[in-house]
Amino acid sequence: MRSEHERLATIDILRHEHVLVERVIAAMEREARTARERGRVNGAAVR
């Protein structure tokens, strides 16, 4: 059985990872939007 302290520490870690994942997703979305605005995706012209 885990102690209360261990459970709270795990929750803190998961919250922090969640924030990092959201930042990565936001950056990827920005990158994709910029590529679309420039008319290119993976170096290929987009119709």
PDB file of N, CA and C in Angstrom:
ATOM      1  N   MET A   1       0.841  -1.188   0.000  1.00  0.00           N
ATOM      2  CA  MET A   1       0.000   0.000   0.000  1.00  0.00           C
ATOM      3  C   MET A   1       0.887   1.253   0.000  1.00  0.00           C
ATOM      4  N   ARG A   2       0.555   2.197  -0.856  1.00  0.00           N
ATOM      5  CA  ARG A   2       1.350   3.416  -0.925  1.00  0.00           C
ATOM      6  C   ARG A   2       0.928   4.410   0.146  1.00  0.00           C
ATOM      7  N   SER A   3       1.909   5.171   0.595  1.00  0.00           N
ATOM      8  CA  SER A   3       1.602   6.193   1.601  1.00  0.00           C
ATOM      9  C   SER A   3       0.875   7.365   0.944  1.00  0.00           C
ATOM     10  N   GLU A   4       0.244   8.165   1.751  1.00  0.00           N
ATOM     11  CA  GLU A   4      -0.442   9.355   1.253  1.00  0.00           C
ATOM     12  C   GLU A   4       0.548  10.274   0.536  1.00  0.00           C
ATOM     13  N   HIS A   5       1.742  10.393   1.097  1.00  0.00           N
ATOM     14  CA  HIS A   5       2.776  11.246   0.490  1.00  0.00           C
ATOM     15  C   HIS A   5       3.133  10.746  -0.912  1.00  0.00           C
ATOM     16  N   GLU A   6       3.297   9.445  -1.063  1.00  0.00           N
ATOM     17  CA  GLU A   6       3.629   8.881  -2.384  1.00  0.00           C
ATOM     18  C   GLU A   6       2.509   9.138  -3.388  1.00  0.00           C
ATOM     19  N   ARG A   7       1.270   8.988  -2.941  1.00  0.00           N
ATOM     20  CA  ARG A   7       0.130   9.230  -3.836  1.00  0.00           C
ATOM     21  C   ARG A   7       0.082  10.686  -4.274  1.00  0.00           C
ATOM     22  N   LEU A   8       0.291  11.606  -3.336  1.00  0.00           N
ATOM     23  CA  LEU A   8       0.273  13.031  -3.675  1.00  0.00           C
ATOM     24  C   LEU A   8       1.431  13.391  -4.610  1.00  0.00           C
ATOM     25  N   ALA A   9       2.588  12.798  -4.373  1.00  0.00           N
ATOM     26  CA  ALA A   9       3.741  13.056  -5.241  1.00  0.00           C
ATOM     27  C   ALA A   9       3.456  12.560  -6.658  1.00  0.00           C
ATOM     28  N   THR A  10       2.815  11.389  -6.780  1.00  0.00           N
ATOM     29  CA  THR A  10       2.471  10.846  -8.094  1.00  0.00           C
ATOM     30  C   THR A  10       1.494  11.770  -8.810  1.00  0.00           C
ATOM     31  N   ILE A  11       0.509  12.275  -8.092  1.00  0.00           N
ATOM     32  CA  ILE A  11      -0.469  13.201  -8.687  1.00  0.00           C
ATOM     33  C   ILE A  11       0.240  14.460  -9.186  1.00  0.00           C
ATOM     34  N   ASP A  12       1.166  14.996  -8.389  1.00  0.00           N
ATOM     35  CA  ASP A  12       1.909  16.197  -8.808  1.00  0.00           C
ATOM     36  C   ASP A  12       2.691  15.931 -10.088  1.00  0.00           C
ATOM     37  N   ILE A  13       3.346  14.774 -10.175  1.00  0.00           N
ATOM     38  CA  ILE A  13       4.124  14.420 -11.369  1.00  0.00           C
ATOM     39  C   ILE A  13       3.208  14.327 -12.587  1.00  0.00           C
ATOM     40  N   LEU A  14       2.070  13.645 -12.433  1.00  0.00           N
ATOM     41  CA  LEU A  14       1.142  13.491 -13.553  1.00  0.00           C
ATOM     42  C   LEU A  14       0.589  14.838 -14.004  1.00  0.00           C
ATOM     43  N   ARG A  15       0.297  15.727 -13.069  1.00  0.00           N
ATOM     44  CA  ARG A  15      -0.191  17.069 -13.434  1.00  0.00           C
ATOM     45  C   ARG A  15       0.861  17.801 -14.246  1.00  0.00           C
ATOM     46  N   HIS A  16       2.111  17.701 -13.819  1.00  0.00           N
ATOM     47  CA  HIS A  16       3.201  18.380 -14.515  1.00  0.00           C
ATOM     48  C   HIS A  16       3.361  17.811 -15.926  1.00  0.00           C
ATOM     49  N   GLU A  17       3.316  16.481 -16.056  1.00  0.00           N
ATOM     50  CA  GLU A  17       3.439  15.854 -17.374  1.00  0.00           C
ATOM     51  C   GLU A  17       2.291  16.274 -18.277  1.00  0.00           C
ATOM     52  N   HIS A  18       1.094  16.393 -17.722  1.00  0.00           N
ATOM     53  CA  HIS A  18      -0.078  16.814 -18.487  1.00  0.00           C
ATOM     54  C   HIS A  18       0.157  18.204 -19.092  1.00  0.00           C
ATOM     55  N   VAL A  19       0.726  19.116 -18.295  1.00  0.00           N
ATOM     56  CA  VAL A  19       1.018  20.468 -18.777  1.00  0.00           C
ATOM     57  C   VAL A  19       2.035  20.409 -19.913  1.00  0.00           C
ATOM     58  N   LEU A  20       3.065  19.589 -19.753  1.00  0.00           N
ATOM     59  CA  LEU A  20       4.088  19.482 -20.795  1.00  0.00           C
ATOM     60  C   LEU A  20       3.495  18.929 -22.087  1.00  0.00           C
ATOM     61  N   VAL A  21       2.643  17.908 -21.981  1.00  0.00           N
ATOM     62  CA  VAL A  21       2.009  17.320 -23.165  1.00  0.00           C
ATOM     63  C   VAL A  21       1.149  18.372 -23.868  1.00  0.00           C
ATOM     64  N   GLU A  22       0.397  19.155 -23.108  1.00  0.00           N
ATOM     65  CA  GLU A  22      -0.436  20.202 -23.719  1.00  0.00           C
ATOM     66  C   GLU A  22       0.423  21.215 -24.457  1.00  0.00           C
ATOM     67  N   ARG A  23       1.576  21.560 -23.897  1.00  0.00           N
ATOM     68  CA  ARG A  23       2.471  22.526 -24.557  1.00  0.00           C
ATOM     69  C   ARG A  23       3.018  21.953 -25.861  1.00  0.00           C
ATOM     70  N   VAL A  24       3.381  20.673 -25.857  1.00  0.00           N
ATOM     71  CA  VAL A  24       3.895  20.032 -27.073  1.00  0.00           C
ATOM     72  C   VAL A  24       2.818  20.009 -28.150  1.00  0.00           C
ATOM     73  N   ILE A  25       1.592  19.629 -27.768  1.00  0.00           N
ATOM     74  CA  ILE A  25       0.486  19.587 -28.727  1.00  0.00           C
ATOM     75  C   ILE A  25       0.232  20.981 -29.299  1.00  0.00           C
ATOM     76  N   ALA A  26       0.232  22.001 -28.460  1.00  0.00           N
ATOM     77  CA  ALA A  26       0.002  23.371 -28.924  1.00  0.00           C
ATOM     78  C   ALA A  26       1.089  23.792 -29.918  1.00  0.00           C
ATOM     79  N   ALA A  27       2.328  23.434 -29.627  1.00  0.00           N
ATOM     80  CA  ALA A  27       3.429  23.778 -30.529  1.00  0.00           C
ATOM     81  C   ALA A  27       3.272  23.064 -31.874  1.00  0.00           C
ATOM     82  N   MET A  28       2.868  21.798 -31.845  1.00  0.00           N
ATOM     83  CA  MET A  28       2.667  21.043 -33.086  1.00  0.00           C
ATOM     84  C   MET A  28       1.522  21.644 -33.901  1.00  0.00           C
ATOM     85  N   GLU A  29       0.454  22.053 -33.224  1.00  0.00           N
ATOM     86  CA  GLU A  29      -0.680  22.675 -33.926  1.00  0.00           C
ATOM     87  C   GLU A  29      -0.257  23.990 -34.563  1.00  0.00           C
ATOM     88  N   ARG A  30       0.528  24.786 -33.832  1.00  0.00           N
ATOM     89  CA  ARG A  30       1.027  26.052 -34.382  1.00  0.00           C
ATOM     90  C   ARG A  30       1.870  25.805 -35.620  1.00  0.00           C
ATOM     91  N   GLU A  31       2.747  24.808 -35.519  1.00  0.00           N
ATOM     92  CA  GLU A  31       3.630  24.467 -36.635  1.00  0.00           C
ATOM     93  C   GLU A  31       2.826  24.046 -37.864  1.00  0.00           C
ATOM     94  N   ALA A  32       1.800  23.217 -37.651  1.00  0.00           N
ATOM     95  CA  ALA A  32       0.961  22.744 -38.763  1.00  0.00           C
ATOM     96  C   ALA A  32       0.199  23.910 -39.380  1.00  0.00           C
ATOM     97  N   ARG A  33      -0.311  24.802 -38.545  1.00  0.00           N
ATOM     98  CA  ARG A  33      -1.059  25.963 -39.043  1.00  0.00           C
ATOM     99  C   ARG A  33      -0.145  26.859 -39.878  1.00  0.00           C
ATOM    100  N   THR A  34       1.063  27.083 -39.387  1.00  0.00           N
ATOM    101  CA  THR A  34       2.035  27.912 -40.115  1.00  0.00           C
ATOM    102  C   THR A  34       2.359  27.278 -41.463  1.00  0.00           C
ATOM    103  N   ALA A  35       2.557  25.963 -41.474  1.00  0.00           N
ATOM    104  CA  ALA A  35       2.869  25.259 -42.724  1.00  0.00           C
ATOM    105  C   ALA A  35       1.714  25.399 -43.717  1.00  0.00           C
ATOM    106  N   ARG A  36       0.478  25.241 -43.217  1.00  0.00           N
ATOM    107  CA  ARG A  36      -0.693  25.381 -44.097  1.00  0.00           C
ATOM    108  C   ARG A  36      -0.781  26.792 -44.655  1.00  0.00           C
ATOM    109  N   GLU A  37      -0.512  27.781 -43.800  1.00  0.00           N
ATOM    110  CA  GLU A  37      -0.572  29.177 -44.241  1.00  0.00           C
ATOM    111  C   GLU A  37       0.473  29.441 -45.316  1.00  0.00           C
ATOM    112  N   ARG A  38       1.577  28.751 -45.240  1.00  0.00           N
ATOM    113  CA  ARG A  38       2.626  28.908 -46.252  1.00  0.00           C
ATOM    114  C   ARG A  38       2.352  28.013 -47.460  1.00  0.00           C
ATOM    115  N   GLY A  39       1.301  27.185 -47.361  1.00  0.00           N
ATOM    116  CA  GLY A  39       0.920  26.336 -48.484  1.00  0.00           C
ATOM    117  C   GLY A  39       1.784  25.097 -48.642  1.00  0.00           C
ATOM    118  N   ARG A  40       2.421  24.676 -47.557  1.00  0.00           N
ATOM    119  CA  ARG A  40       3.287  23.502 -47.657  1.00  0.00           C
ATOM    120  C   ARG A  40       3.074  22.597 -46.441  1.00  0.00           C
ATOM    121  N   VAL A  41       3.114  21.295 -46.686  1.00  0.00           N
ATOM    122  CA  VAL A  41       3.059  20.319 -45.604  1.00  0.00           C
ATOM    123  C   VAL A  41       4.138  19.292 -45.897  1.00  0.00           C
ATOM    124  N   ASN A  42       5.040  19.093 -44.980  1.00  0.00           N
ATOM    125  CA  ASN A  42       6.160  18.164 -45.156  1.00  0.00           C
ATOM    126  C   ASN A  42       6.924  18.445 -46.438  1.00  0.00           C
ATOM    127  N   GLY A  43       7.049  19.726 -46.775  1.00  0.00           N
ATOM    128  CA  GLY A  43       7.833  20.114 -47.944  1.00  0.00           C
ATOM    129  C   GLY A  43       7.087  20.012 -49.256  1.00  0.00           C
ATOM    130  N   ALA A  44       5.872  19.496 -49.228  1.00  0.00           N
ATOM    131  CA  ALA A  44       5.101  19.348 -50.469  1.00  0.00           C
ATOM    132  C   ALA A  44       4.045  20.447 -50.545  1.00  0.00           C
ATOM    133  N   ALA A  45       3.806  20.926 -51.755  1.00  0.00           N
ATOM    134  CA  ALA A  45       2.777  21.956 -51.935  1.00  0.00           C
ATOM    135  C   ALA A  45       1.415  21.365 -51.610  1.00  0.00           C
ATOM    136  N   VAL A  46       0.566  22.184 -50.983  1.00  0.00           N
ATOM    137  CA  VAL A  46      -0.782  21.740 -50.612  1.00  0.00           C
ATOM    138  C   VAL A  46      -1.776  22.418 -51.541  1.00  0.00           C
ATOM    139  N   ARG A  47      -2.767  21.667 -51.995  1.00  0.00           N
ATOM    140  CA  ARG A  47      -3.786  22.247 -52.886  1.00  0.00           C
ATOM    141  C   ARG A  47      -4.831  22.960 -52.087  1.00  0.00           C
TER     142      ARG A  47
END
